[in-house]
Structure formats: structure tokens, C-alpha cells
PDB file of N, CA and C in Angstrom:
ATOM      1  N   MET A   1      17.516  48.486 -10.032  1.00  0.00           N
ATOM      2  CA  MET A   1      16.833  48.516 -11.349  1.00  0.00           C
ATOM      3  C   MET A   1      15.682  47.432 -11.536  1.00  0.00           C
ATOM      4  N   SER A   2      14.733  47.702 -12.396  1.00  0.00           N
ATOM      5  CA  SER A   2      13.702  46.722 -12.507  1.00  0.00           C
ATOM      6  C   SER A   2      13.587  46.863 -14.250  1.00  0.00           C
ATOM      7  N   PHE A   3      13.577  45.779 -14.877  1.00  0.00           N
ATOM      8  CA  PHE A   3      13.222  45.947 -16.356  1.00  0.00           C
ATOM      9  C   PHE A   3      11.778  44.799 -16.636  1.00  0.00           C
ATOM     10  N   ARG A   4      11.094  45.526 -17.552  1.00  0.00           N
ATOM     11  CA  ARG A   4       9.996  44.849 -18.012  1.00  0.00           C
ATOM     12  C   ARG A   4      10.323  44.245 -19.244  1.00  0.00           C
ATOM     13  N   ALA A   5      10.070  42.939 -19.806  1.00  0.00           N
ATOM     14  CA  ALA A   5      10.365  42.333 -21.008  1.00  0.00           C
ATOM     15  C   ALA A   5       8.988  42.413 -21.787  1.00  0.00           C
ATOM     16  N   PRO A   6       9.380  42.629 -23.136  1.00  0.00           N
ATOM     17  CA  PRO A   6       8.097  42.428 -24.137  1.00  0.00           C
ATOM     18  C   PRO A   6       7.936  40.974 -24.309  1.00  0.00           C
ATOM     19  N   PRO A   7       6.649  40.911 -24.667  1.00  0.00           N
ATOM     20  CA  PRO A   7       6.334  39.313 -24.442  1.00  0.00           C
ATOM     21  C   PRO A   7       6.981  38.424 -25.285  1.00  0.00           C
ATOM     22  N   THR A   8       7.863  38.728 -26.396  1.00  0.00           N
ATOM     23  CA  THR A   8       8.448  37.950 -27.369  1.00  0.00           C
ATOM     24  C   THR A   8       9.924  37.714 -26.788  1.00  0.00           C
ATOM     25  N   VAL A   9      10.400  38.468 -25.853  1.00  0.00           N
ATOM     26  CA  VAL A   9      11.848  38.660 -25.710  1.00  0.00           C
ATOM     27  C   VAL A   9      12.266  37.292 -24.774  1.00  0.00           C
ATOM     28  N   ASP A  10      13.324  36.655 -25.119  1.00  0.00           N
ATOM     29  CA  ASP A  10      14.031  35.618 -24.323  1.00  0.00           C
ATOM     30  C   ASP A  10      14.593  36.225 -23.156  1.00  0.00           C
ATOM     31  N   VAL A  11      13.953  36.186 -22.028  1.00  0.00           N
ATOM     32  CA  VAL A  11      14.287  36.661 -20.842  1.00  0.00           C
ATOM     33  C   VAL A  11      15.715  36.252 -20.313  1.00  0.00           C
ATOM     34  N   VAL A  12      16.011  34.931 -20.614  1.00  0.00           N
ATOM     35  CA  VAL A  12      17.305  34.675 -20.215  1.00  0.00           C
ATOM     36  C   VAL A  12      18.498  35.233 -20.968  1.00  0.00           C
ATOM     37  N   LYS A  13      18.376  35.144 -22.245  1.00  0.00           N
ATOM     38  CA  LYS A  13      19.366  35.855 -23.140  1.00  0.00           C
ATOM     39  C   LYS A  13      19.375  37.413 -22.996  1.00  0.00           C
ATOM     40  N   ALA A  14      18.196  38.015 -22.655  1.00  0.00           N
ATOM     41  CA  ALA A  14      18.277  39.465 -22.174  1.00  0.00           C
ATOM     42  C   ALA A  14      19.054  39.693 -20.978  1.00  0.00           C
ATOM     43  N   ASN A  15      18.889  38.783 -20.019  1.00  0.00           N
ATOM     44  CA  ASN A  15      19.507  38.931 -18.821  1.00  0.00           C
ATOM     45  C   ASN A  15      20.905  38.865 -18.864  1.00  0.00           C
ATOM     46  N   VAL A  16      21.574  38.019 -19.667  1.00  0.00           N
ATOM     47  CA  VAL A  16      22.972  38.048 -20.050  1.00  0.00           C
ATOM     48  C   VAL A  16      23.293  39.126 -20.701  1.00  0.00           C
ATOM     49  N   THR A  17      22.696  39.531 -21.536  1.00  0.00           N
ATOM     50  CA  THR A  17      23.256  40.888 -22.294  1.00  0.00           C
ATOM     51  C   THR A  17      23.128  42.156 -21.319  1.00  0.00           C
ATOM     52  N   ILE A  18      22.088  42.261 -20.436  1.00  0.00           N
ATOM     53  CA  ILE A  18      22.023  43.428 -19.504  1.00  0.00           C
ATOM     54  C   ILE A  18      23.259  43.271 -18.550  1.00  0.00           C
ATOM     55  N   LYS A  19      23.628  42.110 -18.152  1.00  0.00           N
ATOM     56  CA  LYS A  19      24.666  41.833 -17.438  1.00  0.00           C
ATOM     57  C   LYS A  19      25.766  42.489 -17.740  1.00  0.00           C
ATOM     58  N   LYS A  20      26.126  42.045 -19.125  1.00  0.00           N
ATOM     59  CA  LYS A  20      27.341  42.312 -19.931  1.00  0.00           C
ATOM     60  C   LYS A  20      27.440  43.769 -20.133  1.00  0.00           C
ATOM     61  N   ILE A  21      26.331  44.342 -20.521  1.00  0.00           N
ATOM     62  CA  ILE A  21      26.433  45.825 -20.757  1.00  0.00           C
ATOM     63  C   ILE A  21      26.899  46.800 -19.364  1.00  0.00           C
ATOM     64  N   LEU A  22      26.042  46.151 -18.360  1.00  0.00           N
ATOM     65  CA  LEU A  22      26.201  47.018 -17.176  1.00  0.00           C
ATOM     66  C   LEU A  22      27.630  46.752 -16.298  1.00  0.00           C
ATOM     67  N   GLU A  23      28.145  45.631 -16.591  1.00  0.00           N
ATOM     68  CA  GLU A  23      29.394  45.071 -15.753  1.00  0.00           C
ATOM     69  C   GLU A  23      30.558  45.586 -16.676  1.00  0.00           C
ATOM     70  N   ASP A  24      30.667  45.349 -18.019  1.00  0.00           N
ATOM     71  CA  ASP A  24      31.771  45.479 -18.656  1.00  0.00           C
ATOM     72  C   ASP A  24      32.464  46.889 -18.762  1.00  0.00           C
ATOM     73  N   ASN A  25      31.833  47.751 -18.750  1.00  0.00           N
ATOM     74  CA  ASN A  25      32.386  49.219 -18.625  1.00  0.00           C
ATOM     75  C   ASN A  25      31.458  50.084 -18.217  1.00  0.00           C
ATOM     76  N   PRO A  26      31.203  50.063 -16.936  1.00  0.00           N
ATOM     77  CA  PRO A  26      30.646  50.964 -16.273  1.00  0.00           C
ATOM     78  C   PRO A  26      31.117  52.409 -16.317  1.00  0.00           C
ATOM     79  N   ALA A  27      30.250  53.416 -16.155  1.00  0.00           N
ATOM     80  CA  ALA A  27      30.707  54.841 -16.339  1.00  0.00           C
ATOM     81  C   ALA A  27      31.399  55.181 -15.205  1.00  0.00           C
ATOM     82  N   TYR A  28      32.274  56.281 -15.140  1.00  0.00           N
ATOM     83  CA  TYR A  28      33.014  56.733 -14.288  1.00  0.00           C
ATOM     84  C   TYR A  28      33.957  55.824 -13.414  1.00  0.00           C
ATOM     85  N   HIS A  29      34.224  54.769 -13.813  1.00  0.00           N
ATOM     86  CA  HIS A  29      34.940  53.652 -13.124  1.00  0.00           C
ATOM     87  C   HIS A  29      34.178  53.132 -11.948  1.00  0.00           C
ATOM     88  N   ALA A  30      32.884  53.192 -11.917  1.00  0.00           N
ATOM     89  CA  ALA A  30      31.959  52.577 -11.015  1.00  0.00           C
ATOM     90  C   ALA A  30      32.361  50.975 -11.067  1.00  0.00           C
ATOM     91  N   HIS A  31      31.953  50.584  -9.733  1.00  0.00           N
ATOM     92  CA  HIS A  31      31.897  48.994  -9.511  1.00  0.00           C
ATOM     93  C   HIS A  31      30.461  48.810  -9.608  1.00  0.00           C
ATOM     94  N   VAL A  32      30.144  47.879 -10.662  1.00  0.00           N
ATOM     95  CA  VAL A  32      28.766  47.388 -10.853  1.00  0.00           C
ATOM     96  C   VAL A  32      28.634  45.834 -10.737  1.00  0.00           C
ATOM     97  N   VAL A  33      27.594  45.520 -10.167  1.00  0.00           N
ATOM     98  CA  VAL A  33      27.169  44.021  -9.879  1.00  0.00           C
ATOM     99  C   VAL A  33      25.815  43.835 -10.373  1.00  0.00           C
ATOM    100  N   TYR A  34      25.737  43.008 -11.296  1.00  0.00           N
ATOM    101  CA  TYR A  34      24.343  42.988 -11.798  1.00  0.00           C
ATOM    102  C   TYR A  34      24.055  41.266 -11.092  1.00  0.00           C
ATOM    103  N   ASP A  35      23.180  41.418 -10.022  1.00  0.00           N
ATOM    104  CA  ASP A  35      22.708  40.180  -9.548  1.00  0.00           C
ATOM    105  C   ASP A  35      21.102  39.904  -9.852  1.00  0.00           C
ATOM    106  N   LEU A  36      20.790  39.166 -10.455  1.00  0.00           N
ATOM    107  CA  LEU A  36      19.570  38.743 -10.930  1.00  0.00           C
ATOM    108  C   LEU A  36      18.719  37.934  -9.660  1.00  0.00           C
ATOM    109  N   GLU A  37      17.571  38.700  -9.237  1.00  0.00           N
ATOM    110  CA  GLU A  37      16.753  38.165  -8.242  1.00  0.00           C
ATOM    111  C   GLU A  37      15.673  37.213  -8.750  1.00  0.00           C
ATOM    112  N   GLY A  38      15.492  37.385 -10.008  1.00  0.00           N
ATOM    113  CA  GLY A  38      14.409  36.547 -10.505  1.00  0.00           C
ATOM    114  C   GLY A  38      13.835  37.223 -11.692  1.00  0.00           C
ATOM    115  N   ASN A  39      13.231  36.148 -12.747  1.00  0.00           N
ATOM    116  CA  ASN A  39      12.716  36.756 -13.868  1.00  0.00           C
ATOM    117  C   ASN A  39      11.558  36.109 -14.293  1.00  0.00           C
ATOM    118  N   GLY A  40      10.933  36.514 -15.263  1.00  0.00           N
ATOM    119  CA  GLY A  40       9.771  36.006 -15.910  1.00  0.00           C
ATOM    120  C   GLY A  40       9.507  36.594 -17.182  1.00  0.00           C
ATOM    121  N   PRO A  41       8.641  35.645 -18.107  1.00  0.00           N
ATOM    122  CA  PRO A  41       8.670  36.319 -19.464  1.00  0.00           C
ATOM    123  C   PRO A  41       7.474  37.229 -19.454  1.00  0.00           C
ATOM    124  N   GLY A  42       7.561  37.905 -20.465  1.00  0.00           N
ATOM    125  CA  GLY A  42       6.297  39.014 -20.748  1.00  0.00           C
ATOM    126  C   GLY A  42       5.115  38.250 -20.927  1.00  0.00           C
ATOM    127  N   TRP A  43       3.981  39.101 -20.947  1.00  0.00           N
ATOM    128  CA  TRP A  43       2.710  38.449 -21.137  1.00  0.00           C
ATOM    129  C   TRP A  43       2.079  38.894 -22.350  1.00  0.00           C
ATOM    130  N   ASP A  44       1.564  38.207 -23.163  1.00  0.00           N
ATOM    131  CA  ASP A  44       0.896  38.393 -24.580  1.00  0.00           C
ATOM    132  C   ASP A  44      -0.578  38.145 -24.491  1.00  0.00           C
ATOM    133  N   ALA A  45      -1.287  39.176 -24.511  1.00  0.00           N
ATOM    134  CA  ALA A  45      -2.790  38.899 -24.650  1.00  0.00           C
ATOM    135  C   ALA A  45      -3.310  38.415 -25.749  1.00  0.00           C
ATOM    136  N   PRO A  46      -4.007  37.096 -25.622  1.00  0.00           N
ATOM    137  CA  PRO A  46      -4.512  36.331 -26.716  1.00  0.00           C
ATOM    138  C   PRO A  46      -5.548  37.265 -27.561  1.00  0.00           C
ATOM    139  N   GLU A  47      -5.710  36.940 -28.828  1.00  0.00           N
ATOM    140  CA  GLU A  47      -6.736  37.770 -29.508  1.00  0.00           C
ATOM    141  C   GLU A  47      -8.175  37.396 -29.222  1.00  0.00           C
ATOM    142  N   VAL A  48      -8.937  38.355 -29.014  1.00  0.00           N
ATOM    143  CA  VAL A  48     -10.293  38.273 -28.395  1.00  0.00           C
ATOM    144  C   VAL A  48     -11.068  37.249 -29.379  1.00  0.00           C
ATOM    145  N   SER A  49     -11.764  36.392 -28.941  1.00  0.00           N
ATOM    146  CA  SER A  49     -12.516  35.258 -29.635  1.00  0.00           C
ATOM    147  C   SER A  49     -13.802  36.278 -30.165  1.00  0.00           C
ATOM    148  N   SER A  50     -14.200  35.600 -31.371  1.00  0.00           N
ATOM    149  CA  SER A  50     -15.120  36.485 -31.991  1.00  0.00           C
ATOM    150  C   SER A  50     -16.581  36.311 -31.239  1.00  0.00           C
ATOM    151  N   TRP A  51     -16.910  35.403 -30.604  1.00  0.00           N
ATOM    152  CA  TRP A  51     -17.969  35.165 -29.892  1.00  0.00           C
ATOM    153  C   TRP A  51     -18.011  36.037 -28.682  1.00  0.00           C
ATOM    154  N   LEU A  52     -16.802  36.424 -28.049  1.00  0.00           N
ATOM    155  CA  LEU A  52     -16.682  37.234 -27.074  1.00  0.00           C
ATOM    156  C   LEU A  52     -16.639  38.762 -27.217  1.00  0.00           C
ATOM    157  N   ALA A  53     -16.129  39.029 -28.387  1.00  0.00           N
ATOM    158  CA  ALA A  53     -16.268  40.419 -28.927  1.00  0.00           C
ATOM    159  C   ALA A  53     -17.767  40.738 -29.323  1.00  0.00           C
ATOM    160  N   LYS A  54     -18.473  39.956 -29.816  1.00  0.00           N
ATOM    161  CA  LYS A  54     -19.762  40.024 -29.917  1.00  0.00           C
ATOM    162  C   LYS A  54     -20.711  40.158 -28.946  1.00  0.00           C
ATOM    163  N   SER A  55     -20.477  39.464 -27.961  1.00  0.00           N
ATOM    164  CA  SER A  55     -21.161  39.488 -26.648  1.00  0.00           C
ATOM    165  C   SER A  55     -21.009  40.613 -25.896  1.00  0.00           C
ATOM    166  N   ILE A  56     -19.714  41.315 -26.023  1.00  0.00           N
ATOM    167  CA  ILE A  56     -19.210  42.349 -25.290  1.00  0.00           C
ATOM    168  C   ILE A  56     -20.053  43.497 -26.026  1.00  0.00           C
ATOM    169  N   ASP A  57     -19.939  43.565 -27.394  1.00  0.00           N
ATOM    170  CA  ASP A  57     -20.563  44.706 -28.284  1.00  0.00           C
ATOM    171  C   ASP A  57     -22.093  44.588 -27.847  1.00  0.00           C
ATOM    172  N   ILE A  58     -22.755  43.661 -27.834  1.00  0.00           N
ATOM    173  CA  ILE A  58     -24.355  43.604 -27.403  1.00  0.00           C
ATOM    174  C   ILE A  58     -24.394  44.133 -25.978  1.00  0.00           C
ATOM    175  N   ALA A  59     -23.760  43.726 -25.116  1.00  0.00           N
ATOM    176  CA  ALA A  59     -23.994  44.198 -23.790  1.00  0.00           C
ATOM    177  C   ALA A  59     -23.794  45.716 -23.536  1.00  0.00           C
ATOM    178  N   SER A  60     -22.658  46.212 -24.365  1.00  0.00           N
ATOM    179  CA  SER A  60     -22.120  47.644 -24.466  1.00  0.00           C
ATOM    180  C   SER A  60     -23.210  48.375 -25.071  1.00  0.00           C
ATOM    181  N   ASN A  61     -23.839  47.952 -26.222  1.00  0.00           N
ATOM    182  CA  ASN A  61     -24.762  48.491 -26.913  1.00  0.00           C
ATOM    183  C   ASN A  61     -26.127  48.708 -25.969  1.00  0.00           C
ATOM    184  N   ALA A  62     -26.529  47.696 -25.375  1.00  0.00           N
ATOM    185  CA  ALA A  62     -27.558  47.490 -24.544  1.00  0.00           C
ATOM    186  C   ALA A  62     -27.695  48.639 -23.452  1.00  0.00           C
ATOM    187  N   TYR A  63     -26.310  48.721 -22.846  1.00  0.00           N
ATOM    188  CA  TYR A  63     -26.077  49.452 -21.531  1.00  0.00           C
ATOM    189  C   TYR A  63     -25.820  50.911 -22.047  1.00  0.00           C
ATOM    190  N   PHE A  64     -24.693  51.135 -22.914  1.00  0.00           N
ATOM    191  CA  PHE A  64     -24.160  52.437 -23.082  1.00  0.00           C
ATOM    192  C   PHE A  64     -24.728  53.004 -24.449  1.00  0.00           C
ATOM    193  N   GLY A  65     -25.466  52.315 -25.408  1.00  0.00           N
ATOM    194  CA  GLY A  65     -25.939  52.644 -26.640  1.00  0.00           C
ATOM    195  C   GLY A  65     -24.912  52.833 -27.804  1.00  0.00           C
ATOM    196  N   ARG A  66     -23.708  51.946 -27.724  1.00  0.00           N
ATOM    197  CA  ARG A  66     -22.587  52.202 -28.464  1.00  0.00           C
ATOM    198  C   ARG A  66     -21.919  50.685 -28.289  1.00  0.00           C
ATOM    199  N   PRO A  67     -20.967  50.490 -29.490  1.00  0.00           N
ATOM    200  CA  PRO A  67     -20.174  49.398 -29.185  1.00  0.00           C
ATOM    201  C   PRO A  67     -18.984  49.358 -28.492  1.00  0.00           C
ATOM    202  N   CYS A  68     -18.397  48.371 -27.940  1.00  0.00           N
ATOM    203  CA  CYS A  68     -17.147  48.416 -27.096  1.00  0.00           C
ATOM    204  C   CYS A  68     -16.247  49.018 -27.866  1.00  0.00           C
ATOM    205  N   ALA A  69     -15.157  49.705 -27.274  1.00  0.00           N
ATOM    206  CA  ALA A  69     -13.805  50.392 -27.789  1.00  0.00           C
ATOM    207  C   ALA A  69     -12.701  49.517 -27.197  1.00  0.00           C
ATOM    208  N   TYR A  70     -11.826  49.126 -28.214  1.00  0.00           N
ATOM    209  CA  TYR A  70     -10.513  48.537 -27.547  1.00  0.00           C
ATOM    210  C   TYR A  70      -9.197  49.356 -27.780  1.00  0.00           C
ATOM    211  N   TRP A  71      -8.524  49.149 -26.861  1.00  0.00           N
ATOM    212  CA  TRP A  71      -7.030  49.968 -26.945  1.00  0.00           C
ATOM    213  C   TRP A  71      -5.995  49.120 -26.312  1.00  0.00           C
ATOM    214  N   GLY A  72      -4.867  49.230 -26.666  1.00  0.00           N
ATOM    215  CA  GLY A  72      -3.722  48.563 -26.060  1.00  0.00           C
ATOM    216  C   GLY A  72      -3.031  49.528 -24.894  1.00  0.00           C
ATOM    217  N   GLU A  73      -2.712  48.941 -23.910  1.00  0.00           N
ATOM    218  CA  GLU A  73      -1.887  49.558 -22.642  1.00  0.00           C
ATOM    219  C   GLU A  73      -0.788  48.836 -22.253  1.00  0.00           C
ATOM    220  N   GLY A  74       0.467  49.126 -22.366  1.00  0.00           N
ATOM    221  CA  GLY A  74       1.578  48.433 -22.252  1.00  0.00           C
ATOM    222  C   GLY A  74       1.773  47.636 -23.529  1.00  0.00           C
ATOM    223  N   PRO A  75       2.660  46.669 -23.376  1.00  0.00           N
ATOM    224  CA  PRO A  75       2.879  45.697 -24.518  1.00  0.00           C
ATOM    225  C   PRO A  75       1.854  44.607 -24.848  1.00  0.00           C
ATOM    226  N   GLN A  76       1.214  44.890 -25.621  1.00  0.00           N
ATOM    227  CA  GLN A  76       0.062  44.136 -26.263  1.00  0.00           C
ATOM    228  C   GLN A  76      -0.976  43.808 -25.112  1.00  0.00           C
ATOM    229  N   PHE A  77      -1.239  44.649 -24.112  1.00  0.00           N
ATOM    230  CA  PHE A  77      -2.383  44.390 -23.118  1.00  0.00           C
ATOM    231  C   PHE A  77      -3.628  44.935 -23.613  1.00  0.00           C
ATOM    232  N   LEU A  78      -4.903  44.462 -23.701  1.00  0.00           N
ATOM    233  CA  LEU A  78      -5.947  44.840 -24.399  1.00  0.00           C
ATOM    234  C   LEU A  78      -6.828  45.234 -23.160  1.00  0.00           C
ATOM    235  N   LEU A  79      -7.351  46.360 -23.265  1.00  0.00           N
ATOM    236  CA  LEU A  79      -8.197  47.098 -22.153  1.00  0.00           C
ATOM    237  C   LEU A  79      -9.666  47.124 -22.979  1.00  0.00           C
ATOM    238  N   TRP A  80     -10.763  46.856 -22.436  1.00  0.00           N
ATOM    239  CA  TRP A  80     -12.070  47.114 -22.894  1.00  0.00           C
ATOM    240  C   TRP A  80     -12.622  48.460 -22.315  1.00  0.00           C
ATOM    241  N   ALA A  81     -13.202  49.314 -23.087  1.00  0.00           N
ATOM    242  CA  ALA A  81     -13.874  50.320 -22.527  1.00  0.00           C
ATOM    243  C   ALA A  81     -15.247  50.503 -23.136  1.00  0.00           C
ATOM    244  N   CYS A  82     -16.191  50.017 -22.540  1.00  0.00           N
ATOM    245  CA  CYS A  82     -17.540  49.879 -23.115  1.00  0.00           C
ATOM    246  C   CYS A  82     -18.216  51.085 -22.579  1.00  0.00           C
TER     247      CYS A  82
END
């Protein structure tokens, strides 16, 4: 299994909880061992600086004739669509 942690989750605490849930009462009397291979925190995209947003809009208007549009993809991941 692979899990993706949201940016604000404590991954150490999450892994302890996941291990407990999977190993304590497995379905159909299965034998389950949760062996963590590694982990890392989620990533949280910083707020776009006003100077950068303005520069992107200027470039987008010059090339596409309209300002840049933003949307999130995944947990707080920011994409630019100019």
C-alpha cells in the first residue's frame, strides 16, 4: 500500500495510527504486518507573491490576450494555466 499525507498531517502519528488499524483487527482473520519503508511530510505550496502573480499576468496577457488562471491539483498544489 502507499499513502499520501496531506501537507498538515503529522506523518509519524499517522503511521502509528495506520499500523494500529491494519494490524489490530484484520478482516477474515488475515495476518497483517505493517512495515514502514519510509515516509515524508506532505508538501504545501506557498502563496504566490504579488510581484510574481503580476508578472505572470503581464506575460499571459501579452501572449494569450488574457490573464493567467489558477487552480489546485492535489492537496494544495498550485498550477498555472496561462
